[in-house]
Amino acid sequence: MTSMTTEPSLTLHTDGLLSKFGFNDGDDPEDWLDYCDANGIDYNEIEFPLVQLVRQHVLPALDQHVTVVEIETIHNPIRASTVNGIEVRGEDTVHGDPIELTPETVTIPMAEVARLARG
């Protein structure tokens, strides 16, 4: 019998791009904090790399063309500006129709998250 170990990973919900409160309202995800604790990483010394994760992993995985804007805020710091050329105005609808991003989630190995956090 073979035992399979699964590499720790972080799953980001792509609809986080559509909200001021997206991506855990800009707070570090619990999975990341747990990973740091388990691996001797002081998460108070390094910043969770949300913007880099979105730019390098989430945006390339999307089926839609999404442009983003970075915002200096205590909330979600990276949000969709346009989806397929249509301006997103802080809502998850365009002309009353819901904006749907696919895939719904993007999973990133935690080792990659740590690598980006360390810069």
PDB file of N, CA and C in Angstrom:
ATOM      1  N   MET A   1       0.844  -1.181   0.000  1.00  0.00           N
ATOM      2  CA  MET A   1       0.000   0.000   0.000  1.00  0.00           C
ATOM      3  C   MET A   1       0.887   1.241   0.000  1.00  0.00           C
ATOM      4  N   THR A   2       0.614   2.120  -0.900  1.00  0.00           N
ATOM      5  CA  THR A   2       1.396   3.347  -1.008  1.00  0.00           C
ATOM      6  C   THR A   2       0.667   4.493  -0.330  1.00  0.00           C
ATOM      7  N   SER A   3       1.449   5.270   0.362  1.00  0.00           N
ATOM      8  CA  SER A   3       0.819   6.426   1.001  1.00  0.00           C
ATOM      9  C   SER A   3       1.109   7.648   0.140  1.00  0.00           C
ATOM     10  N   MET A   4       0.078   8.404  -0.101  1.00  0.00           N
ATOM     11  CA  MET A   4       0.229   9.612  -0.918  1.00  0.00           C
ATOM     12  C   MET A   4       0.200  10.827   0.001  1.00  0.00           C
ATOM     13  N   THR A   5       1.215  11.643  -0.142  1.00  0.00           N
ATOM     14  CA  THR A   5       1.191  12.895   0.603  1.00  0.00           C
ATOM     15  C   THR A   5       0.849  14.005  -0.384  1.00  0.00           C
ATOM     16  N   THR A   6       0.018  14.869   0.057  1.00  0.00           N
ATOM     17  CA  THR A   6      -0.395  15.966  -0.793  1.00  0.00           C
ATOM     18  C   THR A   6       0.386  17.209  -0.387  1.00  0.00           C
ATOM     19  N   GLU A   7       0.941  17.850  -1.393  1.00  0.00           N
ATOM     20  CA  GLU A   7       1.674  19.082  -1.125  1.00  0.00           C
ATOM     21  C   GLU A   7       0.689  20.150  -0.662  1.00  0.00           C
ATOM     22  N   PRO A   8       1.038  20.866   0.407  1.00  0.00           N
ATOM     23  CA  PRO A   8       0.149  21.941   0.868  1.00  0.00           C
ATOM     24  C   PRO A   8      -0.056  22.968  -0.250  1.00  0.00           C
ATOM     25  N   SER A   9      -1.264  23.462  -0.336  1.00  0.00           N
ATOM     26  CA  SER A   9      -1.558  24.441  -1.382  1.00  0.00           C
ATOM     27  C   SER A   9      -2.545  25.482  -0.860  1.00  0.00           C
ATOM     28  N   LEU A  10      -2.652  26.535  -1.611  1.00  0.00           N
ATOM     29  CA  LEU A  10      -3.555  27.633  -1.297  1.00  0.00           C
ATOM     30  C   LEU A  10      -4.538  27.763  -2.454  1.00  0.00           C
ATOM     31  N   THR A  11      -5.814  27.839  -2.153  1.00  0.00           N
ATOM     32  CA  THR A  11      -6.831  28.014  -3.188  1.00  0.00           C
ATOM     33  C   THR A  11      -7.401  29.418  -3.089  1.00  0.00           C
ATOM     34  N   LEU A  12      -7.319  30.144  -4.201  1.00  0.00           N
ATOM     35  CA  LEU A  12      -7.883  31.488  -4.278  1.00  0.00           C
ATOM     36  C   LEU A  12      -9.138  31.432  -5.136  1.00  0.00           C
ATOM     37  N   HIS A  13     -10.196  32.072  -4.671  1.00  0.00           N
ATOM     38  CA  HIS A  13     -11.451  32.159  -5.416  1.00  0.00           C
ATOM     39  C   HIS A  13     -11.360  33.370  -6.348  1.00  0.00           C
ATOM     40  N   THR A  14     -11.522  33.122  -7.632  1.00  0.00           N
ATOM     41  CA  THR A  14     -11.312  34.189  -8.612  1.00  0.00           C
ATOM     42  C   THR A  14     -12.303  35.336  -8.481  1.00  0.00           C
ATOM     43  N   ASP A  15     -13.498  35.069  -7.924  1.00  0.00           N
ATOM     44  CA  ASP A  15     -14.449  36.170  -7.753  1.00  0.00           C
ATOM     45  C   ASP A  15     -13.973  37.179  -6.710  1.00  0.00           C
ATOM     46  N   GLY A  16     -12.875  36.871  -6.023  1.00  0.00           N
ATOM     47  CA  GLY A  16     -12.255  37.837  -5.129  1.00  0.00           C
ATOM     48  C   GLY A  16     -11.816  39.094  -5.864  1.00  0.00           C
ATOM     49  N   LEU A  17     -11.594  38.965  -7.181  1.00  0.00           N
ATOM     50  CA  LEU A  17     -11.221  40.123  -7.991  1.00  0.00           C
ATOM     51  C   LEU A  17     -12.361  41.125  -8.148  1.00  0.00           C
ATOM     52  N   LEU A  18     -13.576  40.696  -7.852  1.00  0.00           N
ATOM     53  CA  LEU A  18     -14.745  41.528  -8.142  1.00  0.00           C
ATOM     54  C   LEU A  18     -15.246  42.330  -6.950  1.00  0.00           C
ATOM     55  N   SER A  19     -14.556  42.248  -5.819  1.00  0.00           N
ATOM     56  CA  SER A  19     -15.098  42.876  -4.620  1.00  0.00           C
ATOM     57  C   SER A  19     -14.033  43.572  -3.781  1.00  0.00           C
ATOM     58  N   LYS A  20     -14.436  44.657  -3.195  1.00  0.00           N
ATOM     59  CA  LYS A  20     -13.600  45.364  -2.218  1.00  0.00           C
ATOM     60  C   LYS A  20     -13.254  44.426  -1.062  1.00  0.00           C
ATOM     61  N   PHE A  21     -14.148  43.476  -0.768  1.00  0.00           N
ATOM     62  CA  PHE A  21     -13.947  42.558   0.342  1.00  0.00           C
ATOM     63  C   PHE A  21     -13.397  41.204  -0.113  1.00  0.00           C
ATOM     64  N   GLY A  22     -13.026  41.107  -1.388  1.00  0.00           N
ATOM     65  CA  GLY A  22     -12.537  39.849  -1.937  1.00  0.00           C
ATOM     66  C   GLY A  22     -11.213  39.417  -1.337  1.00  0.00           C
ATOM     67  N   PHE A  23     -10.846  38.176  -1.625  1.00  0.00           N
ATOM     68  CA  PHE A  23      -9.603  37.585  -1.128  1.00  0.00           C
ATOM     69  C   PHE A  23      -9.459  37.799   0.375  1.00  0.00           C
ATOM     70  N   ASN A  24     -10.507  37.398   1.095  1.00  0.00           N
ATOM     71  CA  ASN A  24     -10.478  37.453   2.558  1.00  0.00           C
ATOM     72  C   ASN A  24     -10.327  38.889   3.060  1.00  0.00           C
ATOM     73  N   ASP A  25     -10.894  39.829   2.306  1.00  0.00           N
ATOM     74  CA  ASP A  25     -10.843  41.250   2.651  1.00  0.00           C
ATOM     75  C   ASP A  25      -9.407  41.756   2.796  1.00  0.00           C
ATOM     76  N   GLY A  26      -8.484  41.087   2.094  1.00  0.00           N
ATOM     77  CA  GLY A  26      -7.093  41.505   2.137  1.00  0.00           C
ATOM     78  C   GLY A  26      -6.305  40.927   3.302  1.00  0.00           C
ATOM     79  N   ASP A  27      -6.962  40.179   4.187  1.00  0.00           N
ATOM     80  CA  ASP A  27      -6.269  39.549   5.321  1.00  0.00           C
ATOM     81  C   ASP A  27      -5.542  38.286   4.859  1.00  0.00           C
ATOM     82  N   ASP A  28      -4.477  37.938   5.572  1.00  0.00           N
ATOM     83  CA  ASP A  28      -3.742  36.717   5.254  1.00  0.00           C
ATOM     84  C   ASP A  28      -4.648  35.504   5.447  1.00  0.00           C
ATOM     85  N   PRO A  29      -4.667  34.578   4.490  1.00  0.00           N
ATOM     86  CA  PRO A  29      -5.490  33.375   4.640  1.00  0.00           C
ATOM     87  C   PRO A  29      -4.990  32.481   5.773  1.00  0.00           C
ATOM     88  N   GLU A  30      -5.915  31.840   6.465  1.00  0.00           N
ATOM     89  CA  GLU A  30      -5.562  30.933   7.571  1.00  0.00           C
ATOM     90  C   GLU A  30      -4.634  29.808   7.098  1.00  0.00           C
ATOM     91  N   ASP A  31      -4.870  29.285   5.883  1.00  0.00           N
ATOM     92  CA  ASP A  31      -4.013  28.212   5.361  1.00  0.00           C
ATOM     93  C   ASP A  31      -2.558  28.668   5.269  1.00  0.00           C
ATOM     94  N   TRP A  32      -2.349  29.919   4.890  1.00  0.00           N
ATOM     95  CA  TRP A  32      -1.003  30.480   4.802  1.00  0.00           C
ATOM     96  C   TRP A  32      -0.393  30.608   6.196  1.00  0.00           C
ATOM     97  N   LEU A  33      -1.148  31.118   7.137  1.00  0.00           N
ATOM     98  CA  LEU A  33      -0.644  31.279   8.505  1.00  0.00           C
ATOM     99  C   LEU A  33      -0.300  29.919   9.114  1.00  0.00           C
ATOM    100  N   ASP A  34      -1.151  28.915   8.880  1.00  0.00           N
ATOM    101  CA  ASP A  34      -0.875  27.557   9.369  1.00  0.00           C
ATOM    102  C   ASP A  34       0.389  26.988   8.730  1.00  0.00           C
ATOM    103  N   TYR A  35       0.550  27.212   7.432  1.00  0.00           N
ATOM    104  CA  TYR A  35       1.741  26.739   6.721  1.00  0.00           C
ATOM    105  C   TYR A  35       2.994  27.394   7.309  1.00  0.00           C
ATOM    106  N   CYS A  36       2.918  28.681   7.543  1.00  0.00           N
ATOM    107  CA  CYS A  36       4.056  29.403   8.130  1.00  0.00           C
ATOM    108  C   CYS A  36       4.414  28.823   9.498  1.00  0.00           C
ATOM    109  N   ASP A  37       3.405  28.623  10.340  1.00  0.00           N
ATOM    110  CA  ASP A  37       3.646  28.047  11.668  1.00  0.00           C
ATOM    111  C   ASP A  37       4.307  26.680  11.557  1.00  0.00           C
ATOM    112  N   ALA A  38       3.829  25.857  10.661  1.00  0.00           N
ATOM    113  CA  ALA A  38       4.337  24.490  10.510  1.00  0.00           C
ATOM    114  C   ALA A  38       5.739  24.446   9.925  1.00  0.00           C
ATOM    115  N   ASN A  39       6.146  25.526   9.237  1.00  0.00           N
ATOM    116  CA  ASN A  39       7.436  25.531   8.552  1.00  0.00           C
ATOM    117  C   ASN A  39       8.417  26.564   9.096  1.00  0.00           C
ATOM    118  N   GLY A  40       8.133  27.089  10.281  1.00  0.00           N
ATOM    119  CA  GLY A  40       9.063  28.019  10.920  1.00  0.00           C
ATOM    120  C   GLY A  40       9.222  29.343  10.197  1.00  0.00           C
ATOM    121  N   ILE A  41       8.189  29.769   9.497  1.00  0.00           N
ATOM    122  CA  ILE A  41       8.222  31.053   8.793  1.00  0.00           C
ATOM    123  C   ILE A  41       7.507  32.079   9.663  1.00  0.00           C
ATOM    124  N   ASP A  42       8.170  33.197   9.933  1.00  0.00           N
ATOM    125  CA  ASP A  42       7.546  34.255  10.730  1.00  0.00           C
ATOM    126  C   ASP A  42       6.732  35.143   9.799  1.00  0.00           C
ATOM    127  N   TYR A  43       5.413  34.914   9.758  1.00  0.00           N
ATOM    128  CA  TYR A  43       4.561  35.665   8.839  1.00  0.00           C
ATOM    129  C   TYR A  43       4.443  37.136   9.224  1.00  0.00           C
ATOM    130  N   ASN A  44       4.961  37.510  10.392  1.00  0.00           N
ATOM    131  CA  ASN A  44       5.001  38.932  10.749  1.00  0.00           C
ATOM    132  C   ASN A  44       6.181  39.635  10.085  1.00  0.00           C
ATOM    133  N   GLU A  45       7.131  38.843   9.612  1.00  0.00           N
ATOM    134  CA  GLU A  45       8.338  39.397   8.990  1.00  0.00           C
ATOM    135  C   GLU A  45       8.252  39.485   7.468  1.00  0.00           C
ATOM    136  N   ILE A  46       7.334  38.711   6.882  1.00  0.00           N
ATOM    137  CA  ILE A  46       7.179  38.754   5.430  1.00  0.00           C
ATOM    138  C   ILE A  46       5.725  39.016   5.092  1.00  0.00           C
ATOM    139  N   GLU A  47       5.512  39.650   3.973  1.00  0.00           N
ATOM    140  CA  GLU A  47       4.159  40.006   3.559  1.00  0.00           C
ATOM    141  C   GLU A  47       3.554  38.907   2.698  1.00  0.00           C
ATOM    142  N   PHE A  48       2.299  38.588   2.942  1.00  0.00           N
ATOM    143  CA  PHE A  48       1.601  37.636   2.086  1.00  0.00           C
ATOM    144  C   PHE A  48       1.535  38.221   0.673  1.00  0.00           C
ATOM    145  N   PRO A  49       1.971  37.470  -0.349  1.00  0.00           N
ATOM    146  CA  PRO A  49       2.141  38.032  -1.699  1.00  0.00           C
ATOM    147  C   PRO A  49       0.881  37.978  -2.570  1.00  0.00           C
ATOM    148  N   LEU A  50      -0.231  38.487  -2.078  1.00  0.00           N
ATOM    149  CA  LEU A  50      -1.483  38.392  -2.819  1.00  0.00           C
ATOM    150  C   LEU A  50      -1.384  38.991  -4.218  1.00  0.00           C
ATOM    151  N   VAL A  51      -0.841  40.183  -4.332  1.00  0.00           N
ATOM    152  CA  VAL A  51      -0.782  40.852  -5.639  1.00  0.00           C
ATOM    153  C   VAL A  51       0.025  40.001  -6.633  1.00  0.00           C
ATOM    154  N   GLN A  52       1.176  39.483  -6.199  1.00  0.00           N
ATOM    155  CA  GLN A  52       1.993  38.650  -7.090  1.00  0.00           C
ATOM    156  C   GLN A  52       1.260  37.366  -7.457  1.00  0.00           C
ATOM    157  N   LEU A  53       0.565  36.756  -6.490  1.00  0.00           N
ATOM    158  CA  LEU A  53      -0.176  35.526  -6.761  1.00  0.00           C
ATOM    159  C   LEU A  53      -1.264  35.768  -7.801  1.00  0.00           C
ATOM    160  N   VAL A  54      -1.966  36.877  -7.666  1.00  0.00           N
ATOM    161  CA  VAL A  54      -3.015  37.203  -8.637  1.00  0.00           C
ATOM    162  C   VAL A  54      -2.400  37.434 -10.015  1.00  0.00           C
ATOM    163  N   ARG A  55      -1.346  38.230 -10.074  1.00  0.00           N
ATOM    164  CA  ARG A  55      -0.737  38.558 -11.370  1.00  0.00           C
ATOM    165  C   ARG A  55      -0.084  37.338 -12.034  1.00  0.00           C
ATOM    166  N   GLN A  56       0.588  36.506 -11.251  1.00  0.00           N
ATOM    167  CA  GLN A  56       1.347  35.397 -11.833  1.00  0.00           C
ATOM    168  C   GLN A  56       0.566  34.099 -11.973  1.00  0.00           C
ATOM    169  N   HIS A  57      -0.498  33.925 -11.184  1.00  0.00           N
ATOM    170  CA  HIS A  57      -1.201  32.645 -11.200  1.00  0.00           C
ATOM    171  C   HIS A  57      -2.689  32.754 -11.511  1.00  0.00           C
ATOM    172  N   VAL A  58      -3.374  33.723 -10.927  1.00  0.00           N
ATOM    173  CA  VAL A  58      -4.815  33.819 -11.133  1.00  0.00           C
ATOM    174  C   VAL A  58      -5.136  34.370 -12.525  1.00  0.00           C
ATOM    175  N   LEU A  59      -4.595  35.523 -12.872  1.00  0.00           N
ATOM    176  CA  LEU A  59      -4.923  36.135 -14.163  1.00  0.00           C
ATOM    177  C   LEU A  59      -4.618  35.213 -15.347  1.00  0.00           C
ATOM    178  N   PRO A  60      -3.437  34.566 -15.388  1.00  0.00           N
ATOM    179  CA  PRO A  60      -3.166  33.674 -16.524  1.00  0.00           C
ATOM    180  C   PRO A  60      -4.102  32.462 -16.596  1.00  0.00           C
ATOM    181  N   ALA A  61      -4.698  32.072 -15.478  1.00  0.00           N
ATOM    182  CA  ALA A  61      -5.582  30.905 -15.454  1.00  0.00           C
ATOM    183  C   ALA A  61      -7.005  31.225 -15.902  1.00  0.00           C
ATOM    184  N   LEU A  62      -7.375  32.502 -15.923  1.00  0.00           N
ATOM    185  CA  LEU A  62      -8.754  32.881 -16.237  1.00  0.00           C
ATOM    186  C   LEU A  62      -9.087  32.684 -17.713  1.00  0.00           C
ATOM    187  N   ASP A  63     -10.311  32.295 -17.966  1.00  0.00           N
ATOM    188  CA  ASP A  63     -10.810  32.165 -19.335  1.00  0.00           C
ATOM    189  C   ASP A  63     -11.180  33.528 -19.909  1.00  0.00           C
ATOM    190  N   GLN A  64     -11.373  34.514 -19.065  1.00  0.00           N
ATOM    191  CA  GLN A  64     -11.722  35.865 -19.482  1.00  0.00           C
ATOM    192  C   GLN A  64     -10.451  36.726 -19.478  1.00  0.00           C
ATOM    193  N   HIS A  65     -10.495  37.799 -20.256  1.00  0.00           N
ATOM    194  CA  HIS A  65      -9.412  38.777 -20.205  1.00  0.00           C
ATOM    195  C   HIS A  65      -9.770  39.785 -19.116  1.00  0.00           C
ATOM    196  N   VAL A  66      -8.960  39.812 -18.064  1.00  0.00           N
ATOM    197  CA  VAL A  66      -9.232  40.682 -16.922  1.00  0.00           C
ATOM    198  C   VAL A  66      -8.046  41.612 -16.716  1.00  0.00           C
ATOM    199  N   THR A  67      -8.333  42.919 -16.648  1.00  0.00           N
ATOM    200  CA  THR A  67      -7.304  43.871 -16.243  1.00  0.00           C
ATOM    201  C   THR A  67      -7.581  44.224 -14.787  1.00  0.00           C
ATOM    202  N   VAL A  68      -6.517  44.545 -14.064  1.00  0.00           N
ATOM    203  CA  VAL A  68      -6.657  44.807 -12.636  1.00  0.00           C
ATOM    204  C   VAL A  68      -6.086  46.164 -12.276  1.00  0.00           C
ATOM    205  N   VAL A  69      -6.486  46.620 -11.112  1.00  0.00           N
ATOM    206  CA  VAL A  69      -5.949  47.840 -10.533  1.00  0.00           C
ATOM    207  C   VAL A  69      -5.507  47.498  -9.115  1.00  0.00           C
ATOM    208  N   GLU A  70      -4.378  48.060  -8.706  1.00  0.00           N
ATOM    209  CA  GLU A  70      -3.900  47.892  -7.332  1.00  0.00           C
ATOM    210  C   GLU A  70      -4.301  49.129  -6.543  1.00  0.00           C
ATOM    211  N   ILE A  71      -4.795  48.887  -5.328  1.00  0.00           N
ATOM    212  CA  ILE A  71      -5.321  49.965  -4.499  1.00  0.00           C
ATOM    213  C   ILE A  71      -4.652  49.903  -3.128  1.00  0.00           C
ATOM    214  N   GLU A  72      -4.158  51.031  -2.658  1.00  0.00           N
ATOM    215  CA  GLU A  72      -3.610  51.115  -1.301  1.00  0.00           C
ATOM    216  C   GLU A  72      -4.790  51.185  -0.344  1.00  0.00           C
ATOM    217  N   THR A  73      -5.032  50.089   0.379  1.00  0.00           N
ATOM    218  CA  THR A  73      -6.198  50.006   1.248  1.00  0.00           C
ATOM    219  C   THR A  73      -5.993  48.915   2.281  1.00  0.00           C
ATOM    220  N   ILE A  74      -6.819  48.923   3.321  1.00  0.00           N
ATOM    221  CA  ILE A  74      -6.779  47.825   4.290  1.00  0.00           C
ATOM    222  C   ILE A  74      -7.625  46.657   3.806  1.00  0.00           C
ATOM    223  N   HIS A  75      -8.373  46.876   2.721  1.00  0.00           N
ATOM    224  CA  HIS A  75      -9.221  45.827   2.151  1.00  0.00           C
ATOM    225  C   HIS A  75      -8.442  45.120   1.035  1.00  0.00           C
ATOM    226  N   ASN A  76      -9.163  44.478   0.137  1.00  0.00           N
ATOM    227  CA  ASN A  76      -8.572  43.780  -0.992  1.00  0.00           C
ATOM    228  C   ASN A  76      -7.732  44.749  -1.840  1.00  0.00           C
ATOM    229  N   PRO A  77      -6.419  44.514  -1.978  1.00  0.00           N
ATOM    230  CA  PRO A  77      -5.559  45.467  -2.663  1.00  0.00           C
ATOM    231  C   PRO A  77      -5.484  45.320  -4.180  1.00  0.00           C
ATOM    232  N   ILE A  78      -6.097  44.266  -4.754  1.00  0.00           N
ATOM    233  CA  ILE A  78      -6.047  44.080  -6.205  1.00  0.00           C
ATOM    234  C   ILE A  78      -7.431  43.645  -6.684  1.00  0.00           C
ATOM    235  N   ARG A  79      -7.957  44.422  -7.635  1.00  0.00           N
ATOM    236  CA  ARG A  79      -9.329  44.181  -8.083  1.00  0.00           C
ATOM    237  C   ARG A  79      -9.434  44.311  -9.591  1.00  0.00           C
ATOM    238  N   ALA A  80     -10.450  43.665 -10.135  1.00  0.00           N
ATOM    239  CA  ALA A  80     -10.693  43.752 -11.577  1.00  0.00           C
ATOM    240  C   ALA A  80     -11.084  45.179 -11.947  1.00  0.00           C
ATOM    241  N   SER A  81     -10.483  45.657 -13.009  1.00  0.00           N
ATOM    242  CA  SER A  81     -10.842  46.948 -13.579  1.00  0.00           C
ATOM    243  C   SER A  81     -11.769  46.727 -14.773  1.00  0.00           C
ATOM    244  N   THR A  82     -11.406  45.733 -15.606  1.00  0.00           N
ATOM    245  CA  THR A  82     -12.267  45.346 -16.726  1.00  0.00           C
ATOM    246  C   THR A  82     -12.302  43.823 -16.830  1.00  0.00           C
ATOM    247  N   VAL A  83     -13.410  43.314 -17.339  1.00  0.00           N
ATOM    248  CA  VAL A  83     -13.559  41.905 -17.676  1.00  0.00           C
ATOM    249  C   VAL A  83     -14.027  41.861 -19.125  1.00  0.00           C
ATOM    250  N   ASN A  84     -13.189  41.267 -19.971  1.00  0.00           N
ATOM    251  CA  ASN A  84     -13.472  41.214 -21.414  1.00  0.00           C
ATOM    252  C   ASN A  84     -13.802  42.599 -21.970  1.00  0.00           C
ATOM    253  N   GLY A  85     -13.044  43.600 -21.516  1.00  0.00           N
ATOM    254  CA  GLY A  85     -13.188  44.955 -22.023  1.00  0.00           C
ATOM    255  C   GLY A  85     -14.306  45.771 -21.408  1.00  0.00           C
ATOM    256  N   ILE A  86     -15.100  45.162 -20.528  1.00  0.00           N
ATOM    257  CA  ILE A  86     -16.202  45.881 -19.887  1.00  0.00           C
ATOM    258  C   ILE A  86     -15.764  46.331 -18.503  1.00  0.00           C
ATOM    259  N   GLU A  87     -15.946  47.620 -18.223  1.00  0.00           N
ATOM    260  CA  GLU A  87     -15.519  48.185 -16.942  1.00  0.00           C
ATOM    261  C   GLU A  87     -16.292  47.575 -15.780  1.00  0.00           C
ATOM    262  N   VAL A  88     -15.559  47.215 -14.741  1.00  0.00           N
ATOM    263  CA  VAL A  88     -16.149  46.713 -13.501  1.00  0.00           C
ATOM    264  C   VAL A  88     -16.150  47.877 -12.530  1.00  0.00           C
ATOM    265  N   ARG A  89     -17.298  48.165 -11.956  1.00  0.00           N
ATOM    266  CA  ARG A  89     -17.428  49.343 -11.093  1.00  0.00           C
ATOM    267  C   ARG A  89     -17.691  48.972  -9.650  1.00  0.00           C
ATOM    268  N   GLY A  90     -16.883  48.048  -9.102  1.00  0.00           N
ATOM    269  CA  GLY A  90     -17.023  47.691  -7.708  1.00  0.00           C
ATOM    270  C   GLY A  90     -18.246  46.848  -7.411  1.00  0.00           C
ATOM    271  N   GLU A  91     -18.820  46.256  -8.442  1.00  0.00           N
ATOM    272  CA  GLU A  91     -19.978  45.393  -8.263  1.00  0.00           C
ATOM    273  C   GLU A  91     -19.655  44.064  -8.941  1.00  0.00           C
ATOM    274  N   ASP A  92     -20.481  43.082  -8.709  1.00  0.00           N
ATOM    275  CA  ASP A  92     -20.248  41.822  -9.400  1.00  0.00           C
ATOM    276  C   ASP A  92     -21.256  41.620 -10.527  1.00  0.00           C
ATOM    277  N   THR A  93     -21.775  42.749 -11.052  1.00  0.00           N
ATOM    278  CA  THR A  93     -22.659  42.688 -12.215  1.00  0.00           C
ATOM    279  C   THR A  93     -22.243  43.751 -13.222  1.00  0.00           C
ATOM    280  N   VAL A  94     -22.575  43.510 -14.479  1.00  0.00           N
ATOM    281  CA  VAL A  94     -22.406  44.492 -15.538  1.00  0.00           C
ATOM    282  C   VAL A  94     -23.752  44.589 -16.236  1.00  0.00           C
ATOM    283  N   HIS A  95     -24.334  45.764 -16.240  1.00  0.00           N
ATOM    284  CA  HIS A  95     -25.655  45.982 -16.836  1.00  0.00           C
ATOM    285  C   HIS A  95     -26.684  45.005 -16.265  1.00  0.00           C
ATOM    286  N   GLY A  96     -26.569  44.699 -14.969  1.00  0.00           N
ATOM    287  CA  GLY A  96     -27.510  43.811 -14.310  1.00  0.00           C
ATOM    288  C   GLY A  96     -27.215  42.325 -14.463  1.00  0.00           C
ATOM    289  N   ASP A  97     -26.290  41.987 -15.349  1.00  0.00           N
ATOM    290  CA  ASP A  97     -25.929  40.577 -15.534  1.00  0.00           C
ATOM    291  C   ASP A  97     -24.743  40.233 -14.638  1.00  0.00           C
ATOM    292  N   PRO A  98     -24.797  39.082 -13.974  1.00  0.00           N
ATOM    293  CA  PRO A  98     -23.680  38.710 -13.098  1.00  0.00           C
ATOM    294  C   PRO A  98     -22.397  38.487 -13.890  1.00  0.00           C
ATOM    295  N   ILE A  99     -21.296  38.914 -13.302  1.00  0.00           N
ATOM    296  CA  ILE A  99     -19.984  38.642 -13.880  1.00  0.00           C
ATOM    297  C   ILE A  99     -19.538  37.289 -13.339  1.00  0.00           C
ATOM    298  N   GLU A 100     -19.201  36.401 -14.227  1.00  0.00           N
ATOM    299  CA  GLU A 100     -18.712  35.094 -13.798  1.00  0.00           C
ATOM    300  C   GLU A 100     -17.310  34.899 -14.332  1.00  0.00           C
ATOM    301  N   LEU A 101     -16.412  34.623 -13.430  1.00  0.00           N
ATOM    302  CA  LEU A 101     -15.042  34.326 -13.815  1.00  0.00           C
ATOM    303  C   LEU A 101     -14.834  32.817 -13.753  1.00  0.00           C
ATOM    304  N   THR A 102     -14.158  32.302 -14.759  1.00  0.00           N
ATOM    305  CA  THR A 102     -13.825  30.880 -14.770  1.00  0.00           C
ATOM    306  C   THR A 102     -12.350  30.727 -15.045  1.00  0.00           C
ATOM    307  N   PRO A 103     -11.749  29.762 -14.365  1.00  0.00           N
ATOM    308  CA  PRO A 103     -12.314  28.868 -13.369  1.00  0.00           C
ATOM    309  C   PRO A 103     -12.671  29.629 -12.085  1.00  0.00           C
ATOM    310  N   GLU A 104     -13.477  28.974 -11.248  1.00  0.00           N
ATOM    311  CA  GLU A 104     -13.915  29.610 -10.001  1.00  0.00           C
ATOM    312  C   GLU A 104     -12.793  29.701  -8.986  1.00  0.00           C
ATOM    313  N   THR A 105     -11.846  28.774  -9.055  1.00  0.00           N
ATOM    314  CA  THR A 105     -10.715  28.776  -8.109  1.00  0.00           C
ATOM    315  C   THR A 105      -9.416  28.503  -8.847  1.00  0.00           C
ATOM    316  N   VAL A 106      -8.338  28.950  -8.241  1.00  0.00           N
ATOM    317  CA  VAL A 106      -6.986  28.660  -8.712  1.00  0.00           C
ATOM    318  C   VAL A 106      -6.204  28.168  -7.501  1.00  0.00           C
ATOM    319  N   THR A 107      -5.563  27.014  -7.644  1.00  0.00           N
ATOM    320  CA  THR A 107      -4.806  26.424  -6.548  1.00  0.00           C
ATOM    321  C   THR A 107      -3.319  26.574  -6.832  1.00  0.00           C
ATOM    322  N   ILE A 108      -2.594  27.047  -5.827  1.00  0.00           N
ATOM    323  CA  ILE A 108      -1.167  27.342  -5.952  1.00  0.00           C
ATOM    324  C   ILE A 108      -0.427  26.589  -4.860  1.00  0.00           C
ATOM    325  N   PRO A 109       0.655  25.883  -5.206  1.00  0.00           N
ATOM    326  CA  PRO A 109       1.434  25.191  -4.165  1.00  0.00           C
ATOM    327  C   PRO A 109       1.940  26.192  -3.128  1.00  0.00           C
ATOM    328  N   MET A 110       1.852  25.818  -1.875  1.00  0.00           N
ATOM    329  CA  MET A 110       2.272  26.708  -0.796  1.00  0.00           C
ATOM    330  C   MET A 110       3.760  27.039  -0.888  1.00  0.00           C
ATOM    331  N   ALA A 111       4.562  26.135  -1.423  1.00  0.00           N
ATOM    332  CA  ALA A 111       5.991  26.425  -1.606  1.00  0.00           C
ATOM    333  C   ALA A 111       6.177  27.616  -2.547  1.00  0.00           C
ATOM    334  N   GLU A 112       5.321  27.737  -3.551  1.00  0.00           N
ATOM    335  CA  GLU A 112       5.375  28.883  -4.473  1.00  0.00           C
ATOM    336  C   GLU A 112       4.937  30.151  -3.758  1.00  0.00           C
ATOM    337  N   VAL A 113       3.925  30.060  -2.910  1.00  0.00           N
ATOM    338  CA  VAL A 113       3.486  31.220  -2.127  1.00  0.00           C
ATOM    339  C   VAL A 113       4.642  31.699  -1.249  1.00  0.00           C
ATOM    340  N   ALA A 114       5.317  30.767  -0.585  1.00  0.00           N
ATOM    341  CA  ALA A 114       6.445  31.102   0.278  1.00  0.00           C
ATOM    342  C   ALA A 114       7.592  31.719  -0.520  1.00  0.00           C
ATOM    343  N   ARG A 115       7.854  31.167  -1.705  1.00  0.00           N
ATOM    344  CA  ARG A 115       8.933  31.697  -2.553  1.00  0.00           C
ATOM    345  C   ARG A 115       8.635  33.151  -2.919  1.00  0.00           C
ATOM    346  N   LEU A 116       7.404  33.432  -3.324  1.00  0.00           N
ATOM    347  CA  LEU A 116       7.035  34.805  -3.671  1.00  0.00           C
ATOM    348  C   LEU A 116       7.077  35.721  -2.441  1.00  0.00           C
ATOM    349  N   ALA A 117       6.662  35.211  -1.299  1.00  0.00           N
ATOM    350  CA  ALA A 117       6.662  36.023  -0.076  1.00  0.00           C
ATOM    351  C   ALA A 117       8.081  36.412   0.324  1.00  0.00           C
ATOM    352  N   ARG A 118       9.002  35.493   0.083  1.00  0.00           N
ATOM    353  CA  ARG A 118      10.408  35.772   0.452  1.00  0.00           C
ATOM    354  C   ARG A 118      11.075  36.704  -0.542  1.00  0.00           C
ATOM    355  N   GLY A 119      10.466  36.883  -1.709  1.00  0.00           N
ATOM    356  CA  GLY A 119      10.970  37.809  -2.711  1.00  0.00           C
ATOM    357  C   GLY A 119      12.206  37.317  -3.359  1.00  0.00           C
TER     358      GLY A 119
END
